Structures are given as C-alpha cells and as structure tokens.
Amino acid sequence: MKCISLNQPYAYLLASGVKSIEIRKWNTKFRGEFLIHASKSVNTDAMSVYPIEATDLVKGAIIGKAYLYGIKKYSNRDDFIHDFNKHFSVDKTNHESSFKRYGFLIHNSMLFEKSIPYPGKLGFFDVNPGLLNNNNLKESIWYFDL
C-alpha cells in the first residue's frame, strides 16, 4: 500500500478530514487509497497558526489513511489562496512568475485511534498492507468523509 509522509500538524489535519488538499511541488499519477505518515518534523510556522499543541501530535508513525482522487494544478497565488480553507498551507513563496504547486485532492480520510511507529520517506513509498492487519486497526478507525 502507498504511504506519504507529512509534517505535523498537516498529517493530523489530513487524517482527521479537516484538510482535503495536500500541497506538493511535484505531481503524481497515483490515484487511490494511501496511508498517512506523520513525520518526526513539525512545521513551526503552521503550528503558530493552528490551535494544536505540538506535544499532542503523534510523530514518526502512520496515523491514518485517505483516498487521492485527483490533482489540481496551482499556477498562481490567487488560486492557491482561494483554496486555503482546503489545504491550510502556510507556503511563503511570493514570486508569482515561479509559483507552481500541485494540490492532491483527498477524500475518505480516516484517523487511526492507534498509530503505528514507522520510518518516513520522501514521495509516495510502499508499506506492506499486512502491517494494518497486524495492528488490529479495523476496530480502531475514525471515519471522515467530506
């Protein structure tokens, strides 16, 4: 199963269904269900915007899963800012001529009640789907559908 690593608080916001667009500087052809990994890093700029305590967030673990159903290309900051309430990105790039981002459109987010410690990687990476069964996650999932 595919997995993607996000800094906190973005991993939590995505898995909990609050965030429905994940912003990346790269595109993907991948579509489908994937796991959400919370990296060991915290985006301090984002933490100053959202009322979440960093100590309350799981780090270095798989915390949920979701479904990637499409891509939205952002070629200018106006469109990017218009969707802020869907991606919550505090991206600081101000050069309009060089601005390019890809919004991974997400739905069917699920936050696991129990996280699975796991090392993160860049981009989408593969995780053995048996890992979910071995951790009895079928009984410990909270569902969010936007």
C-alpha atoms as a PDB file:
ATOM      1  CA  MET A   1       0.000   0.000   0.000  1.00  0.00           C
ATOM      2  CA  LYS A   2       1.243   3.517  -0.790  1.00  0.00           C
ATOM      3  CA  CYS A   3       2.081   5.926   2.005  1.00  0.00           C
ATOM      4  CA  ILE A   4       3.064   9.593   2.131  1.00  0.00           C
ATOM      5  CA  SER A   5       4.818  11.437   4.927  1.00  0.00           C
ATOM      6  CA  LEU A   6       3.647  14.887   6.058  1.00  0.00           C
ATOM      7  CA  ASN A   7       4.940  17.254   8.702  1.00  0.00           C
ATOM      8  CA  GLN A   8       2.696  17.868  11.661  1.00  0.00           C
ATOM      9  CA  PRO A   9       0.168  19.468  12.006  1.00  0.00           C
ATOM     10  CA  TYR A  10      -0.624  18.719   8.336  1.00  0.00           C
ATOM     11  CA  ALA A  11      -0.683  14.936   8.842  1.00  0.00           C
ATOM     12  CA  TYR A  12      -3.244  15.279  11.631  1.00  0.00           C
ATOM     13  CA  LEU A  13      -5.355  17.811   9.693  1.00  0.00           C
ATOM     14  CA  LEU A  14      -5.436  15.495   6.647  1.00  0.00           C
ATOM     15  CA  ALA A  15      -6.176  12.286   8.569  1.00  0.00           C
ATOM     16  CA  SER A  16      -8.900  13.972  10.625  1.00  0.00           C
ATOM     17  CA  GLY A  17     -10.688  15.197   7.499  1.00  0.00           C
ATOM     18  CA  VAL A  18     -10.149  18.913   8.157  1.00  0.00           C
ATOM     19  CA  LYS A  19      -7.699  19.230   5.252  1.00  0.00           C
ATOM     20  CA  SER A  20      -8.888  17.985   1.848  1.00  0.00           C
ATOM     21  CA  ILE A  21      -5.999  19.132  -0.366  1.00  0.00           C
ATOM     22  CA  GLU A  22      -2.350  18.178   0.203  1.00  0.00           C
ATOM     23  CA  ILE A  23       0.076  20.634  -1.425  1.00  0.00           C
ATOM     24  CA  ARG A  24       3.253  19.411  -3.121  1.00  0.00           C
ATOM     25  CA  LYS A  25       5.819  20.903  -5.515  1.00  0.00           C
ATOM     26  CA  TRP A  26       5.643  17.708  -7.584  1.00  0.00           C
ATOM     27  CA  ASN A  27       2.847  15.958  -9.448  1.00  0.00           C
ATOM     28  CA  THR A  28       1.833  12.294  -9.302  1.00  0.00           C
ATOM     29  CA  LYS A  29      -0.093   9.876 -11.481  1.00  0.00           C
ATOM     30  CA  PHE A  30      -1.038   7.839  -8.414  1.00  0.00           C
ATOM     31  CA  ARG A  31      -4.737   7.614  -7.561  1.00  0.00           C
ATOM     32  CA  GLY A  32      -6.229   5.501  -4.818  1.00  0.00           C
ATOM     33  CA  GLU A  33      -6.086   4.711  -1.131  1.00  0.00           C
ATOM     34  CA  PHE A  34      -2.902   5.576   0.757  1.00  0.00           C
ATOM     35  CA  LEU A  35      -1.583   5.713   4.309  1.00  0.00           C
ATOM     36  CA  ILE A  36      -0.797   8.982   6.077  1.00  0.00           C
ATOM     37  CA  HIS A  37       2.541   9.095   7.887  1.00  0.00           C
ATOM     38  CA  ALA A  38       3.301  11.840  10.414  1.00  0.00           C
ATOM     39  CA  SER A  39       6.975  12.708  10.066  1.00  0.00           C
ATOM     40  CA  LYS A  40       9.175  13.460  13.055  1.00  0.00           C
ATOM     41  CA  SER A  41       9.269  17.094  11.906  1.00  0.00           C
ATOM     42  CA  VAL A  42       6.839  19.807  12.917  1.00  0.00           C
ATOM     43  CA  ASN A  43       6.148  22.832  10.733  1.00  0.00           C
ATOM     44  CA  THR A  44       6.588  25.579  13.320  1.00  0.00           C
ATOM     45  CA  ASP A  45       5.011  28.228  11.062  1.00  0.00           C
ATOM     46  CA  ALA A  46       1.876  26.111  10.740  1.00  0.00           C
ATOM     47  CA  MET A  47       1.824  25.387  14.471  1.00  0.00           C
ATOM     48  CA  SER A  48       1.711  29.126  15.163  1.00  0.00           C
ATOM     49  CA  VAL A  49      -1.455  29.419  13.027  1.00  0.00           C
ATOM     50  CA  TYR A  50      -3.446  26.428  14.303  1.00  0.00           C
ATOM     51  CA  PRO A  51      -4.553  25.918  17.913  1.00  0.00           C
ATOM     52  CA  ILE A  52      -2.948  22.492  18.250  1.00  0.00           C
ATOM     53  CA  GLU A  53      -0.246  21.667  20.783  1.00  0.00           C
ATOM     54  CA  ALA A  54       2.811  20.047  19.189  1.00  0.00           C
ATOM     55  CA  THR A  55       3.131  17.757  22.213  1.00  0.00           C
ATOM     56  CA  ASP A  56      -0.349  16.338  21.460  1.00  0.00           C
ATOM     57  CA  LEU A  57       0.606  15.263  17.933  1.00  0.00           C
ATOM     58  CA  VAL A  58       1.973  11.829  17.059  1.00  0.00           C
ATOM     59  CA  LYS A  59       5.295  11.925  15.200  1.00  0.00           C
ATOM     60  CA  GLY A  60       7.239   9.230  13.354  1.00  0.00           C
ATOM     61  CA  ALA A  61       4.209   6.985  12.755  1.00  0.00           C
ATOM     62  CA  ILE A  62       1.391   6.058  10.385  1.00  0.00           C
ATOM     63  CA  ILE A  63      -1.677   7.801  11.787  1.00  0.00           C
ATOM     64  CA  GLY A  64      -4.400   7.279   9.180  1.00  0.00           C
ATOM     65  CA  LYS A  65      -5.368   6.725   5.594  1.00  0.00           C
ATOM     66  CA  ALA A  66      -7.255   8.522   2.832  1.00  0.00           C
ATOM     67  CA  TYR A  67      -8.076   8.395  -0.877  1.00  0.00           C
ATOM     68  CA  LEU A  68      -6.367  10.518  -3.556  1.00  0.00           C
ATOM     69  CA  TYR A  69      -8.870  11.068  -6.365  1.00  0.00           C
ATOM     70  CA  GLY A  70      -7.378  13.902  -8.426  1.00  0.00           C
ATOM     71  CA  ILE A  71      -4.870  16.734  -8.849  1.00  0.00           C
ATOM     72  CA  LYS A  72      -5.371  20.479  -9.039  1.00  0.00           C
ATOM     73  CA  LYS A  73      -2.500  22.477 -10.541  1.00  0.00           C
ATOM     74  CA  TYR A  74      -1.889  25.895  -8.997  1.00  0.00           C
ATOM     75  CA  SER A  75      -0.086  28.227 -11.398  1.00  0.00           C
ATOM     76  CA  ASN A  76      -0.689  31.429  -9.465  1.00  0.00           C
ATOM     77  CA  ARG A  77      -1.005  32.517  -5.854  1.00  0.00           C
ATOM     78  CA  ASP A  78      -4.589  33.811  -6.230  1.00  0.00           C
ATOM     79  CA  ASP A  79      -5.983  30.331  -6.956  1.00  0.00           C
ATOM     80  CA  PHE A  80      -3.763  28.897  -4.219  1.00  0.00           C
ATOM     81  CA  ILE A  81      -5.002  31.431  -1.656  1.00  0.00           C
ATOM     82  CA  HIS A  82      -8.612  30.884  -2.740  1.00  0.00           C
ATOM     83  CA  ASP A  83      -8.349  27.217  -1.617  1.00  0.00           C
ATOM     84  CA  PHE A  84      -6.600  27.988   1.678  1.00  0.00           C
ATOM     85  CA  ASN A  85      -9.503  26.578   3.726  1.00  0.00           C
ATOM     86  CA  LYS A  86      -8.938  23.213   1.995  1.00  0.00           C
ATOM     87  CA  HIS A  87      -5.129  22.931   2.154  1.00  0.00           C
ATOM     88  CA  PHE A  88      -4.156  25.210   5.099  1.00  0.00           C
ATOM     89  CA  SER A  89      -0.659  25.611   3.670  1.00  0.00           C
ATOM     90  CA  VAL A  90       1.478  28.450   5.030  1.00  0.00           C
ATOM     91  CA  ASP A  91       3.684  28.402   1.903  1.00  0.00           C
ATOM     92  CA  LYS A  92       5.825  31.561   1.888  1.00  0.00           C
ATOM     93  CA  THR A  93       6.724  31.673  -1.826  1.00  0.00           C
ATOM     94  CA  ASN A  94       5.887  35.104  -3.199  1.00  0.00           C
ATOM     95  CA  HIS A  95       7.445  35.005  -6.681  1.00  0.00           C
ATOM     96  CA  GLU A  96       4.405  34.900  -8.969  1.00  0.00           C
ATOM     97  CA  SER A  97       6.454  34.005 -12.060  1.00  0.00           C
ATOM     98  CA  SER A  98       7.901  30.894 -10.420  1.00  0.00           C
ATOM     99  CA  PHE A  99       4.825  29.799  -8.449  1.00  0.00           C
ATOM    100  CA  LYS A 100       3.722  26.252  -9.212  1.00  0.00           C
ATOM    101  CA  ARG A 101       2.113  23.805  -6.786  1.00  0.00           C
ATOM    102  CA  TYR A 102       0.051  20.645  -7.113  1.00  0.00           C
ATOM    103  CA  GLY A 103      -2.951  20.030  -4.903  1.00  0.00           C
ATOM    104  CA  PHE A 104      -3.615  16.357  -4.220  1.00  0.00           C
ATOM    105  CA  LEU A 105      -7.408  16.140  -3.898  1.00  0.00           C
ATOM    106  CA  ILE A 106      -8.303  13.910  -0.959  1.00  0.00           C
ATOM    107  CA  HIS A 107     -11.459  12.367   0.475  1.00  0.00           C
ATOM    108  CA  ASN A 108     -12.500   9.472   2.740  1.00  0.00           C
ATOM    109  CA  SER A 109      -9.943  10.399   5.393  1.00  0.00           C
ATOM    110  CA  MET A 110      -9.545   8.094   8.384  1.00  0.00           C
ATOM    111  CA  LEU A 111      -7.650   8.869  11.574  1.00  0.00           C
ATOM    112  CA  PHE A 112      -6.435   5.738  13.321  1.00  0.00           C
ATOM    113  CA  GLU A 113      -7.130   5.584  17.026  1.00  0.00           C
ATOM    114  CA  LYS A 114      -3.832   3.744  17.392  1.00  0.00           C
ATOM    115  CA  SER A 115      -0.748   4.933  15.462  1.00  0.00           C
ATOM    116  CA  ILE A 116       1.885   2.604  14.004  1.00  0.00           C
ATOM    117  CA  PRO A 117       5.522   3.672  14.530  1.00  0.00           C
ATOM    118  CA  TYR A 118       7.163   3.635  11.110  1.00  0.00           C
ATOM    119  CA  PRO A 119      10.041   5.450   9.356  1.00  0.00           C
ATOM    120  CA  GLY A 120       9.019   8.019   6.771  1.00  0.00           C
ATOM    121  CA  LYS A 121      10.425   8.596   3.287  1.00  0.00           C
ATOM    122  CA  LEU A 122      10.167  11.196   0.543  1.00  0.00           C
ATOM    123  CA  GLY A 123       7.373  10.952  -2.020  1.00  0.00           C
ATOM    124  CA  PHE A 124       4.943   8.049  -2.062  1.00  0.00           C
ATOM    125  CA  PHE A 125       6.520   4.907  -0.652  1.00  0.00           C
ATOM    126  CA  ASP A 126       5.336   1.330  -0.232  1.00  0.00           C
ATOM    127  CA  VAL A 127       4.216  -0.170   3.076  1.00  0.00           C
ATOM    128  CA  ASN A 128       3.209  -3.811   3.490  1.00  0.00           C
ATOM    129  CA  PRO A 129      -0.623  -3.813   3.823  1.00  0.00           C
ATOM    130  CA  GLY A 130      -0.286  -6.650   6.363  1.00  0.00           C
ATOM    131  CA  LEU A 131       1.010  -4.009   8.752  1.00  0.00           C
ATOM    132  CA  LEU A 132      -2.579  -2.760   9.170  1.00  0.00           C
ATOM    133  CA  ASN A 133      -3.952  -6.224   9.920  1.00  0.00           C
ATOM    134  CA  ASN A 134      -1.124  -6.971  12.352  1.00  0.00           C
ATOM    135  CA  ASN A 135      -2.035  -3.887  14.380  1.00  0.00           C
ATOM    136  CA  ASN A 136      -5.791  -4.629  14.642  1.00  0.00           C
ATOM    137  CA  LEU A 137      -6.679  -1.304  13.056  1.00  0.00           C
ATOM    138  CA  LYS A 138     -10.024  -2.449  11.678  1.00  0.00           C
ATOM    139  CA  GLU A 139     -11.593  -1.856  15.109  1.00  0.00           C
ATOM    140  CA  SER A 140      -9.800   1.419  15.792  1.00  0.00           C
ATOM    141  CA  ILE A 141     -10.556   3.780  12.914  1.00  0.00           C
ATOM    142  CA  TRP A 142     -12.465   7.052  12.977  1.00  0.00           C
ATOM    143  CA  TYR A 143     -14.032   7.853   9.599  1.00  0.00           C
ATOM    144  CA  PHE A 144     -14.308  11.279   7.980  1.00  0.00           C
ATOM    145  CA  ASP A 145     -15.958  11.858   4.618  1.00  0.00           C
ATOM    146  CA  LEU A 146     -16.028  15.328   3.072  1.00  0.00           C
END
